[in-house]
Protein backbone atom coordinates (compact mmCIF):
# COMPACT_ATOMS: atom_id res chain seq x y z
CA MET A 1 -0.14 0.12 -0.14
CA ILE A 2 1.30 3.66 -0.79
CA SER A 3 2.87 5.13 2.20
CA GLY A 4 1.96 8.32 4.14
CA SER A 5 5.13 9.90 2.83
CA GLY A 6 4.31 8.90 -0.74
CA LEU A 7 0.95 10.88 -0.52
CA TYR A 8 2.93 13.86 0.89
CA ALA A 9 5.35 13.67 -1.89
CA VAL A 10 2.30 13.84 -4.47
CA ALA A 11 0.65 16.70 -2.66
CA LYS A 12 4.02 18.48 -2.69
CA ALA A 13 4.04 18.22 -6.47
CA MET A 14 0.32 19.11 -6.87
CA ALA A 15 0.13 22.26 -4.74
CA PRO A 16 2.38 24.52 -6.61
CA LEU A 17 0.59 23.66 -9.54
CA TYR A 18 -2.88 24.71 -8.28
CA PHE A 19 -1.26 27.84 -6.92
CA ALA A 20 0.00 29.08 -10.24
CA MET A 21 -3.27 28.32 -11.66
CA ALA A 22 -5.15 30.32 -9.08
CA VAL A 23 -2.89 33.26 -9.48
CA GLY A 24 -3.49 33.09 -13.20
CA TYR A 25 -7.22 32.88 -12.74
CA ALA A 26 -7.16 35.70 -10.09
CA SER A 27 -4.91 37.91 -12.42
CA VAL A 28 -7.51 37.81 -15.04
CA ARG A 29 -10.99 37.36 -13.43
CA TRP A 30 -10.26 39.93 -10.59
CA TRP A 31 -7.34 41.98 -10.98
CA ARG A 32 -7.48 42.68 -14.62
CA ALA A 33 -3.90 42.41 -14.89
CA PHE A 34 -3.63 40.85 -18.18
CA THR A 35 -5.54 41.47 -21.54
CA PRO A 36 -6.48 38.54 -23.89
CA GLU A 37 -3.54 39.32 -26.12
CA GLN A 38 -1.08 39.24 -23.36
CA CYS A 39 -2.58 35.94 -22.21
CA ALA A 40 -2.07 34.69 -25.73
CA GLY A 41 1.65 35.88 -25.94
CA LEU A 42 2.21 34.06 -22.57
CA ASN A 43 0.72 30.77 -23.94
CA HIS A 44 3.05 31.30 -27.12
CA PHE A 45 5.88 31.85 -25.05
CA VAL A 46 5.51 28.62 -23.30
CA ALA A 47 4.70 26.79 -26.30
CA VAL A 48 7.75 27.93 -28.67
CA LEU A 49 10.39 28.55 -26.03
CA ALA A 50 9.91 27.04 -22.42
CA MET A 51 8.43 23.81 -23.23
CA PRO A 52 10.94 22.99 -26.12
CA LEU A 53 13.72 23.54 -23.46
CA LEU A 54 12.22 21.41 -20.88
CA ILE A 55 11.67 18.73 -23.70
CA PHE A 56 15.41 19.02 -24.58
CA ARG A 57 16.49 18.69 -21.08
CA MET A 58 14.18 15.70 -20.31
CA VAL A 59 15.22 13.89 -23.44
CA ALA A 60 18.99 14.55 -23.17
CA GLY A 61 19.00 13.29 -19.69
CA ASN A 62 17.48 10.04 -20.12
CA ASN A 63 19.96 6.97 -20.98
CA PRO A 64 18.51 5.30 -24.09
CA TYR A 65 20.91 2.38 -23.71
CA ALA A 66 19.28 1.20 -20.29
CA MET A 67 15.48 1.21 -21.16
CA THR A 68 12.93 -1.37 -20.77
CA LEU A 69 11.91 -2.20 -24.30
CA ARG A 70 8.82 -4.32 -23.49
CA LEU A 71 7.38 -1.40 -21.42
CA LEU A 72 8.11 1.10 -24.34
CA LEU A 73 6.70 -1.58 -26.88
CA ALA A 74 3.32 -1.64 -24.87
CA ASP A 75 3.10 2.14 -24.73
CA SER A 76 3.88 2.46 -28.26
CA LEU A 77 1.46 -0.22 -29.33
CA GLN A 78 -1.54 1.51 -26.99
CA LYS A 79 -0.81 4.87 -28.72
CA LEU A 80 -0.67 3.08 -32.33
CA LEU A 81 -3.71 1.19 -32.14
CA LEU A 82 -5.87 4.12 -30.56
CA LEU A 83 -4.33 6.64 -33.05
CA ALA A 84 -5.17 4.26 -36.02
CA ALA A 85 -8.75 3.55 -34.62
CA LEU A 86 -9.20 7.29 -34.36
CA LEU A 87 -8.02 8.29 -37.67
CA ALA A 88 -9.90 5.73 -39.50
CA TRP A 89 -13.11 7.10 -37.61
CA ALA A 90 -12.22 10.64 -38.74
CA LEU A 91 -11.53 9.38 -42.32
CA ARG A 92 -15.02 7.67 -42.27
CA ARG A 93 -16.77 10.79 -40.93
CA SER A 94 -15.20 13.06 -43.19
CA ARG A 95 -16.16 10.96 -46.41
CA ARG A 96 -19.66 10.95 -45.02
CA ASP A 97 -19.57 14.70 -44.47
CA ALA A 98 -17.99 15.04 -48.14
CA SER A 99 -21.08 17.19 -49.27
CA HIS A 100 -20.40 19.91 -46.62
CA SER A 101 -17.44 22.48 -46.81
CA SER A 102 -13.70 21.51 -46.18
CA ALA A 103 -13.67 23.45 -43.09
CA SER A 104 -16.56 21.25 -41.41
CA SER A 105 -14.67 18.10 -42.81
CA LEU A 106 -11.99 18.90 -40.71
CA SER A 107 -13.98 18.55 -37.64
CA PRO A 108 -13.56 14.77 -37.02
CA LEU A 109 -9.78 14.87 -37.48
CA ALA A 110 -9.66 17.77 -34.67
CA TRP A 111 -11.76 15.48 -32.41
CA ALA A 112 -9.57 12.43 -33.22
CA VAL A 113 -6.31 14.42 -31.73
CA THR A 114 -8.38 15.58 -28.96
CA MET A 115 -9.39 11.99 -28.04
CA PHE A 116 -5.97 10.76 -28.77
CA SER A 117 -4.20 13.34 -26.31
CA LEU A 118 -7.06 12.64 -23.74
CA ALA A 119 -6.52 8.93 -23.66
CA THR A 120 -2.90 8.47 -24.15
CA LEU A 121 -0.84 11.41 -22.67
CA PRO A 122 -0.54 11.41 -19.10
CA ASN A 123 1.00 13.81 -17.00
CA THR A 124 4.22 11.54 -16.16
CA VAL A 125 6.58 14.43 -15.23
CA ILE A 126 4.74 16.07 -12.34
CA MET A 127 2.49 13.50 -10.97
CA GLY A 128 3.95 10.41 -12.35
CA VAL A 129 7.34 10.29 -10.95
CA PRO A 130 6.60 11.05 -7.27
CA LEU A 131 3.30 8.97 -7.28
CA LEU A 132 5.01 5.93 -8.74
CA ASP A 133 8.17 6.29 -6.40
CA GLY A 134 5.64 6.18 -3.42
CA MET A 135 3.83 3.10 -4.82
CA TYR A 136 6.62 0.91 -6.34
CA GLY A 137 9.92 2.60 -5.03
CA ALA A 138 12.90 3.90 -7.19
CA SER A 139 11.83 1.87 -10.08
CA GLY A 140 8.60 3.19 -10.51
CA GLY A 141 10.23 6.84 -11.19
CA ARG A 142 12.83 5.24 -13.32
CA HIS A 143 10.34 3.57 -15.67
CA MET A 144 8.25 6.88 -15.69
CA VAL A 145 11.44 8.68 -16.95
CA GLN A 146 11.49 6.28 -19.90
CA ILE A 147 7.82 6.78 -20.96
CA VAL A 148 8.61 10.76 -20.65
CA PHE A 149 11.39 10.19 -22.99
CA LEU A 150 9.00 8.53 -25.52
CA GLN A 151 6.32 10.94 -25.17
CA PHE A 152 8.69 13.94 -25.74
CA ALA A 153 10.77 12.27 -28.65
CA VAL A 154 8.00 10.81 -30.59
CA TRP A 155 4.38 11.26 -29.53
CA TYR A 156 4.18 15.01 -28.98
CA ASN A 157 5.63 15.63 -32.56
CA VAL A 158 2.99 13.25 -33.89
CA VAL A 159 0.41 15.43 -32.26
CA VAL A 160 1.93 18.67 -33.41
CA PHE A 161 1.98 17.18 -36.99
CA LEU A 162 -1.75 16.43 -36.92
CA TYR A 163 -2.37 20.13 -35.62
CA GLU A 164 -0.42 21.38 -38.50
CA THR A 165 -1.98 19.12 -40.89
CA ILE A 166 -5.40 20.77 -39.72
CA ALA A 167 -3.95 24.06 -39.92
CA ALA A 168 -2.59 23.72 -43.47
CA ALA A 169 -5.80 21.99 -44.55
CA ARG A 170 -7.68 25.09 -43.33
CA SER A 171 -5.45 27.34 -44.88
CA CYS A 172 -5.97 25.82 -48.49
CA ALA A 173 -9.70 25.81 -47.61
CA VAL A 174 -9.93 29.56 -47.00
CA ALA A 175 -7.22 30.55 -49.18
CA PRO A 176 -6.68 28.30 -52.24
CA LEU A 177 -4.09 29.57 -54.76
CA PRO A 178 -6.42 31.33 -57.44
CA ARG A 179 -6.98 29.40 -60.76
CA LEU A 180 -7.05 30.72 -64.07
CA GLU A 181 -9.66 29.14 -66.43
CA GLY A 182 -10.96 30.58 -69.86
CA ASP A 183 -11.47 29.82 -73.39
CA ALA A 184 -8.31 29.19 -75.30
CA SER A 185 -9.98 30.63 -78.45
CA THR A 186 -10.94 33.89 -77.13
CA GLY A 187 -8.32 34.30 -74.67
CA THR A 188 -10.73 35.03 -71.95
CA ASN A 189 -9.49 34.46 -68.27
CA VAL A 190 -11.89 34.10 -65.64
CA SER A 191 -10.57 34.43 -62.00
CA ILE A 192 -11.91 31.83 -59.33
CA SER A 193 -11.59 31.96 -55.67
CA MET A 194 -13.05 29.58 -53.01
CA PRO A 195 -15.70 30.74 -50.77
CA PRO A 196 -15.06 30.94 -47.00
CA PRO A 197 -15.96 27.64 -45.08
CA SER A 198 -19.20 27.23 -43.46
CA GLU A 199 -19.44 28.03 -39.83
CA GLY A 200 -18.89 25.19 -37.45
CA ASN A 201 -18.06 24.46 -33.59
CA ASP A 202 -16.80 27.91 -32.23
CA ASN A 203 -13.92 26.00 -30.50
CA GLU A 204 -12.63 24.32 -33.41
CA THR A 205 -12.80 27.43 -35.81
CA VAL A 206 -11.60 30.27 -33.98
CA ASP A 207 -8.31 30.60 -36.00
CA PRO A 208 -8.02 29.10 -39.28
CA ALA A 209 -4.35 28.75 -38.74
CA PRO A 210 -2.02 28.70 -35.58
CA PRO A 211 0.52 31.51 -34.94
CA THR A 212 3.10 28.97 -36.77
CA ALA A 213 1.40 29.55 -40.12
CA PRO A 214 3.55 31.61 -42.32
CA LYS A 215 2.24 35.29 -43.32
CA GLU A 216 1.85 34.30 -46.97
CA ASP A 217 -1.33 32.23 -45.96
CA ALA A 218 -2.83 35.31 -44.32
CA GLU A 219 -2.09 37.43 -47.32
CA ILE A 220 -3.52 34.82 -49.79
CA ALA A 221 -6.78 34.70 -47.78
CA ASN A 222 -7.49 38.31 -48.37
CA VAL A 223 -9.28 37.39 -51.96
CA ASP A 224 -12.71 38.76 -52.48
CA VAL A 225 -15.45 36.05 -53.15
CA ALA A 226 -17.44 38.92 -54.82
CA THR A 227 -14.80 38.40 -57.88
CA TYR A 228 -15.94 35.18 -58.59
CA ARG A 229 -19.75 35.88 -58.40
CA LEU A 230 -19.46 38.72 -60.42
CA ASP A 231 -17.77 36.81 -63.19
CA VAL A 232 -20.26 34.02 -62.91
CA GLU A 233 -23.30 36.61 -63.16
CA ALA A 234 -21.42 38.13 -66.19
CA GLN A 235 -21.06 34.74 -67.91
CA GLU A 236 -24.75 33.63 -67.13
CA GLU A 237 -26.11 36.83 -68.52
CA GLU A 238 -23.84 36.05 -71.73
CA GLY A 239 -25.01 32.57 -71.84
CA ALA A 240 -21.60 31.26 -71.18
CA ALA A 241 -20.88 28.11 -69.16
CA VAL A 242 -20.18 28.61 -65.62
CA PRO A 243 -16.78 27.51 -64.50
CA PRO A 244 -16.92 24.84 -61.79
CA MET A 245 -15.42 25.35 -58.25
CA PRO A 246 -12.11 23.85 -57.57
CA PRO A 247 -11.76 20.79 -55.74
CA PRO A 248 -10.88 20.56 -52.11
CA PRO A 249 -6.84 20.53 -51.55
CA ALA A 250 -5.35 17.26 -52.26
CA VAL A 251 -4.19 15.34 -49.13
CA LYS A 252 -0.53 15.26 -50.57
CA VAL A 253 -0.49 18.87 -50.53
CA VAL A 254 -1.74 19.29 -47.02
CA MET A 255 0.66 16.64 -45.76
CA VAL A 256 3.68 18.22 -47.45
CA MET A 257 2.63 21.64 -45.93
CA ALA A 258 2.28 20.32 -42.36
CA GLY A 259 5.54 18.50 -42.91
CA LYS A 260 7.18 21.66 -43.65
CA LYS A 261 5.63 23.51 -40.77
CA LEU A 262 6.54 20.81 -38.44
CA MET A 263 10.24 21.26 -39.12
CA LYS A 264 9.87 24.97 -38.01
CA VAL A 265 8.45 23.95 -34.62
CA PRO A 266 10.88 24.44 -31.86
CA SER A 267 9.62 21.50 -29.95
CA THR A 268 10.70 19.14 -33.08
CA TYR A 269 14.26 20.47 -33.02
CA ALA A 270 14.35 20.21 -28.98
CA SER A 271 13.12 16.46 -29.24
CA PHE A 272 15.76 15.26 -31.80
CA LEU A 273 18.60 17.36 -30.53
CA GLY A 274 17.95 15.94 -27.00
CA LEU A 275 17.84 12.55 -28.47
CA LEU A 276 21.12 13.03 -30.38
CA TRP A 277 23.06 14.49 -27.38
CA SER A 278 21.85 11.44 -25.12
CA LEU A 279 22.87 8.86 -27.73
CA ILE A 280 26.36 10.51 -27.76
CA SER A 281 26.92 11.51 -24.03
CA PHE A 282 25.87 8.19 -22.71
CA ARG A 283 27.91 6.23 -25.16
CA CYS A 284 30.84 8.21 -24.78
CA GLY A 285 30.57 9.25 -20.97
CA ILE A 286 30.31 13.00 -21.90
CA LYS A 287 28.37 15.10 -19.30
CA MET A 288 26.71 18.60 -20.47
CA PRO A 289 28.80 21.53 -19.12
CA THR A 290 27.18 23.11 -15.99
CA ILE A 291 27.19 26.48 -17.44
CA VAL A 292 25.10 25.06 -20.59
CA ASP A 293 22.64 23.14 -18.42
CA ASP A 294 22.20 25.86 -15.87
CA SER A 295 21.34 28.38 -18.53
CA LEU A 296 18.72 26.09 -19.97
CA SER A 297 17.17 25.39 -16.72
CA VAL A 298 16.66 28.93 -15.99
CA ILE A 299 13.97 28.91 -18.70
CA SER A 300 12.78 25.30 -18.90
CA ILE A 301 11.82 25.23 -15.08
CA THR A 302 9.07 27.81 -15.87
CA ALA A 303 7.42 25.88 -18.40
CA VAL A 304 5.22 23.72 -16.06
CA GLY A 305 4.29 26.82 -13.70
CA LEU A 306 3.48 29.03 -16.67
CA SER A 307 1.50 26.29 -18.25
CA MET A 308 -0.78 25.91 -15.10
CA PHE A 309 -0.73 29.81 -15.14
CA SER A 310 -2.22 29.82 -18.59
CA ILE A 311 -4.69 27.43 -17.87
CA GLY A 312 -5.92 29.82 -15.05
CA THR A 313 -6.06 32.97 -17.41
CA PHE A 314 -8.12 30.68 -19.82
CA MET A 315 -10.51 29.94 -17.11
CA ALA A 316 -10.87 33.31 -16.23
CA ARG A 317 -11.91 34.14 -19.86
CA GLN A 318 -14.78 31.82 -20.03
CA THR A 319 -18.10 32.13 -18.92
CA ARG A 320 -18.43 29.00 -16.98
CA PHE A 321 -15.75 27.44 -14.65
CA ILE A 322 -16.33 24.06 -16.50
CA SER A 323 -16.07 25.75 -19.95
CA CYS A 324 -16.64 22.58 -22.11
CA GLY A 325 -19.79 21.84 -20.29
CA TYR A 326 -20.38 19.02 -17.72
CA ARG A 327 -21.42 16.36 -20.19
CA MET A 328 -18.03 16.70 -22.16
CA ALA A 329 -16.10 17.00 -18.85
CA ILE A 330 -17.36 13.54 -17.95
CA VAL A 331 -16.59 11.96 -21.29
CA SER A 332 -13.21 13.33 -21.23
CA THR A 333 -12.70 12.06 -17.61
CA LEU A 334 -13.79 8.53 -18.55
CA ILE A 335 -11.53 8.49 -21.73
CA ARG A 336 -8.58 9.66 -19.42
CA PHE A 337 -9.08 7.23 -16.56
CA LEU A 338 -10.77 4.45 -18.11
CA ILE A 339 -10.10 3.70 -21.87
CA GLY A 340 -6.39 4.74 -21.37
CA PRO A 341 -5.62 2.24 -18.59
CA ILE A 342 -7.87 -0.40 -20.05
CA THR A 343 -5.91 -0.20 -23.55
CA MET A 344 -2.39 0.17 -21.99
CA GLY A 345 -3.46 -2.94 -19.94
CA ALA A 346 -4.56 -4.88 -23.09
CA THR A 347 -1.26 -3.96 -25.14
CA SER A 348 1.01 -4.87 -22.00
CA LEU A 349 -0.58 -8.20 -21.77
CA VAL A 350 0.22 -8.62 -25.54
CA VAL A 351 3.84 -7.94 -25.37
CA GLY A 352 4.20 -10.16 -22.28
CA LEU A 353 4.52 -7.65 -19.23
CA HIS A 354 3.63 -9.07 -16.03
CA GLY A 355 4.41 -8.47 -12.25
CA THR A 356 5.44 -5.07 -11.04
CA LEU A 357 6.01 -3.68 -14.81
CA LEU A 358 2.59 -4.44 -15.72
CA HIS A 359 1.09 -2.63 -12.76
CA ILE A 360 3.49 0.41 -13.50
CA ALA A 361 2.13 0.48 -17.31
CA ILE A 362 -1.48 0.48 -16.22
CA VAL A 363 -1.10 2.85 -13.30
CA GLN A 364 0.98 5.50 -15.27
CA ALA A 365 -1.87 5.45 -17.83
CA ALA A 366 -4.41 6.58 -15.11
CA LEU A 367 -2.60 9.56 -14.43
CA PRO A 368 -4.23 13.19 -15.11
CA LEU A 369 -3.79 14.85 -18.64
CA ALA A 370 -0.43 16.40 -19.37
CA VAL A 371 -0.30 20.03 -19.18
CA LEU A 372 1.55 20.25 -22.32
CA SER A 373 -1.80 18.97 -24.04
CA PHE A 374 -3.52 22.04 -23.15
CA VAL A 375 -0.47 24.30 -24.31
CA TYR A 376 -0.74 23.07 -27.82
CA ALA A 377 -4.67 22.94 -27.96
CA GLU A 378 -4.67 26.58 -26.91
CA GLU A 379 -1.86 27.56 -29.33
CA TYR A 380 -3.72 25.86 -32.21
CA LYS A 381 -7.20 27.03 -31.02
CA LEU A 382 -8.55 23.49 -30.95
CA HIS A 383 -10.57 22.11 -27.98
CA ALA A 384 -8.58 24.10 -25.66
CA ASP A 385 -11.58 24.23 -23.25
CA ILE A 386 -11.53 20.45 -23.04
CA MET A 387 -8.01 20.27 -22.48
CA SER A 388 -8.24 22.72 -19.55
CA THR A 389 -10.94 20.80 -17.93
CA GLY A 390 -9.17 17.61 -18.44
CA VAL A 391 -6.05 18.95 -16.77
CA ILE A 392 -8.10 20.53 -13.80
CA VAL A 393 -10.47 17.80 -13.04
CA GLY A 394 -7.80 14.90 -13.76
CA ASN A 395 -5.44 16.66 -11.04
CA PHE A 396 -8.16 16.32 -8.54
CA VAL A 397 -9.44 12.78 -9.16
CA SER A 398 -6.04 11.21 -10.33
CA VAL A 399 -4.75 10.39 -6.73
CA PRO A 400 -7.87 8.46 -5.46
CA VAL A 401 -8.15 6.78 -8.93
CA THR A 402 -4.49 5.64 -9.23
CA ILE A 403 -4.91 4.36 -5.46
CA VAL A 404 -7.83 2.33 -6.68
CA TYR A 405 -5.99 1.01 -9.61
CA TYR A 406 -3.10 0.09 -7.26
CA ILE A 407 -5.20 -1.87 -4.95
CA LEU A 408 -6.94 -3.68 -7.47
CA LEU A 409 -3.86 -4.55 -9.30
CA GLY A 410 -2.45 -5.83 -5.92
CA LEU A 411 -5.40 -8.21 -5.37
């Protein structure tokens, strides 16, 4: 059974998080210290600077040559299966909604990314290490670091790529490149521009492209739909055939755009540079110079605190405390604390995990939602209300839930 000192260690890890969140909430709701633009700038700082440095330090400090491969295989298999199932559902739903606009067909993919984050990305850094240390000793925390390594090096990049895919598709849908079509015999050219997408869920279509989108996309978006309408009306009066609307952007084009944007995201560089350094340092026995490590830590240690502060400012700007609604809050909680552990247990049994390793794999899957999931959701303006609720509610209920899993697994 988890000891009192273990619970105290968890409480010590949680208290600063809620303090930062409370200060952020009060700063906006009562003190009016920050404007919405300043809050967005704070979240952008966390996403492009503080979090990448934290990712680099976490990945660079892990020994890739002393990892439990079966545990990592079980974790990867769980995420791959859920991601494949969610993407298949999103593709099927998009085809069914093909008669709608391109923007509305992006909603299933946005929901797939949100559900994937809720089910598979736990808060292993802040909550996982102290809680698993209290339950399973030093081995619990050591295995948590390995899962953190894989999340930062691989899975957050996958999530960012999916976000960039949605952003690229929206950029193409809102502002496709102008197409010139005309009669070769007359030399007449007709300018065609896509109409704006139909309105969808407010939480999904606040910003067509995240701050990482290049300025050229915004400039292209300033086309006038009236150009197309006037040309069409003129041709109808003259009896000419109306040119067809251009088709939605090809998947290949969208994927290429997303890939190019992903290579500009700081967290991508941070994860791969951290992996490269860990491979070299642990193979050759080289330690990072203290002056470099301390310089990086000055900013990286602000990542978690400012992320919780940003959640507080986000909550203060909403009309309700549970901004996504109680029904969605219940659904997200069930996904986080039921679907995640069940699928993790199934994949762990498939790869042959048993004993303490099996218990660690299941319990870590029942940890609350990672704060970084909210940071990216707010940065890309996709279901940030659900992510903030998942972090807040998850941190409150995670300790009793994980203790229940711990007791049941020990029977």
